[in-house]
Amino acid sequence: MKNKLAKMICSTLAVGFLGMPSVQAAGEMMEYSLGEVIVTAQRYEKHDIDVAASTEILTEADLRNTGASNLYDALRFSTGLEMQQYGTAGSSMGNMTSKIAIRGNNGGTLVLVNGMPLNIRGTYDLNDIQVDDIERVEIVRGGGSVLYGSEATGGVINIITKKKRSNYFKTGWGNYGQQEHTLSLQADKKLGIGYQYSEWGKRNNVDSEGRKWIGPENNNLSITYAFNDKLDFSYNRIESQYHYVTIKDSGKAKASDTKQDVERNNAQLSYHEDDFKATLYYVDRSRERDAIETIAKIRSIDEEKNKNYGLDMQKAWDITAGKVLFGGTFKREEYIPDTKGTIVERENQARNNFSAYTQYEKQVSALNTWILSARESWTTGAPNAHNNTNFSGQAQFVHKMTENENLYASVGESYKMPDLHQIWKSGVKQLEPQTGRHYELGWKKNSGIHNWRVALFNYNIDDNISATFNSKKNDFEYKNENLKNTGIELECTIKPSQNPFSYRYAVSYGNPKTENIDAAGVSTGWQPNFSRWEVKGGITYQQDKWQAAMNASYMADRVLSGIDKKPYLLTNLNVNYAMAKDRSLFLTINNLLDREDVSYASTSADYYFAPINYMIGYKMTF
């Protein structure tokens, strides 16, 4: 492992020092706007242009311009993110939840809330997180396991919530039985309370098997309390109900009526002082499923509860022309199934996760900066003695061409341990942890009204864990496979001064592939997966009392579950009119072109995006 890390560092050195174009001397550099500050990429504040990674920052205004009420819908138009949606509004089918693939990596998205890991049992339920609670979202594309541990083999999405709320009431109504009602209160400088109720009605033909979808129906309660400027507490309670009916009775799916209740509790206590941070957290997810085969009249009920709790602490020190970071984490995972009927019985499982990480940033000259990172992780108490250890390293290099233009290179490793529910029973081959190698070259430039970002990337992931549903056993089976992808991303944001219009567009190409491994351990060859081409963009207008935004996401050359799928094109329009300082009207229209595009495909069915739908509403602040 040490030899591998040394080779990575040498490779990055070569990229950093060979072939660099001439630049202005440090004393001749012109002034410019440093732009957005991002925390997620290096675990402390850093201007985005100086970060050696592909990043995207969505402000409160950016999220509002999507017209989305939940975060899953709001992220549709972000670069490098491909949505995998089952039901309406990103709703799930129990543990078959809607997910986001970053750069074609299906299971490598780590979701954080103020730095707290939200992933549990491979789910994060972004469709249950309301946009109104969010101050900003920071997205880091590329393997982030060195600083954030398991789950981040594709990238990291960090949701930063509002520390202080506004006082307002918002209500909206739309077709397909849509309704949404939100109340936000800030009692004083310390206590904030928010509640949102949302619902969809009936939608027919959600997939190729003829499912009828009723709902989802969501209740979302959030509470924040600031003890002082350094210590704060937040709690989020989410209750979601899903109801879907399978009409057909075929070899792929039986006619059935299924109801699922999902509950989540997320709580964290955070302390932050200068360069020291500590977060104590608790996350749980409970699911109850009640299904009836409508022809055979066979009823099956199963329940399960997953919970994680842990502590993350870090401390940074400023040194001469650089910075040093040390940190450590502990996480306890518990998987508690309560199975009945025809569902396969499982045993309660638990394990402890530990890790220590460090990062060293050194400005070696006026133009060149190195960042070296490392992480050691290990588990104890896992069932069947299925414990893992892993060491990951990363080397990054930033070269300042001018004050507003940088080149960067990054070489690093990632890993992901099997989830508790994926660990096989005694006597069966154990799943191997995923390990990956990630390479990236990038260019960032802030030039007047234009911000440019270009990234060339490559990754190879061994032993990626995939799931297949076995209808005979009525259960999922897991196996290891391999992933790889090479691609390029180009983004441009245009914000003219004294102009009501602003623009954003992104074009990316990749070649994500999966190598399937059969039961004998023999490769069956590399097969394409997900989309090769992606074009995303938006235009925003804001003047006087009017604000409007139109967004589009186009995915082409798609392969899902081994089958070619036609391109999809998602479009939406969001319009807001300020009637007065404290009152406004809004209109959101999704799928403007009313396309019946495939949102996701499994081995049994194709799932479709919702047809054209709208919501019109009213907001009052006080």
Foldseek 3Di string as FASTA:
>chain_A
DVVVQVVLQVVQVCVFPPPDDAFDDLVPFDDDDLDDWDCPQVNHTDRPQFGQFDKDKQFLVLQVQQVDFFVLSSCQQPPQKAKFAFDALQQAPFLRGIAIAGNQNTQQEFEAEVNHTQDWPSDRPRSQHTSQFFGMKMWTAAADCQVNNASHHGTYIYTYGDQAHFAKWKWKAWPQGWIKIKGWDGPDSFKIKIKMWIWGAWDWCQWPQTKIWGIWTKIKIKMKGDPDPFKIKIKIKMKIKIWMFRDDDDPQDATKTKIKIKIKIKMWIWGDDDFKIKIWIKIKMKMWMWMARVPVRFIFIWIKMKMKTKMKIKGKDDDVQWIKMKIKMKMKIWIGIDTDGQADDDHIWIKMKIKIKMKIWHAPDSFKIKIKMKMWMKMPRGPPRPIDIDIKIKIKMWGHRHPFKIKMKIKIKGKHDDHNVQADDPPDDGQDIKMKIKIKIKMWGDDQQKTKIKMWMKMKIWFDKDWDQDVVSRGIHIGGKIKIKTKMKIKMWGDDPPAQKIKIKMKMFMFIWIWDADPVRDTPDIATAAFGIKIWMKMWGDDDFKIKMKIKIWTQQHAAQRRTFHIDMKIKMKMKGDPDPFKIKIKIKIQVVQDFGFSHDDPRITGTHDGIMMMIMMMGGD
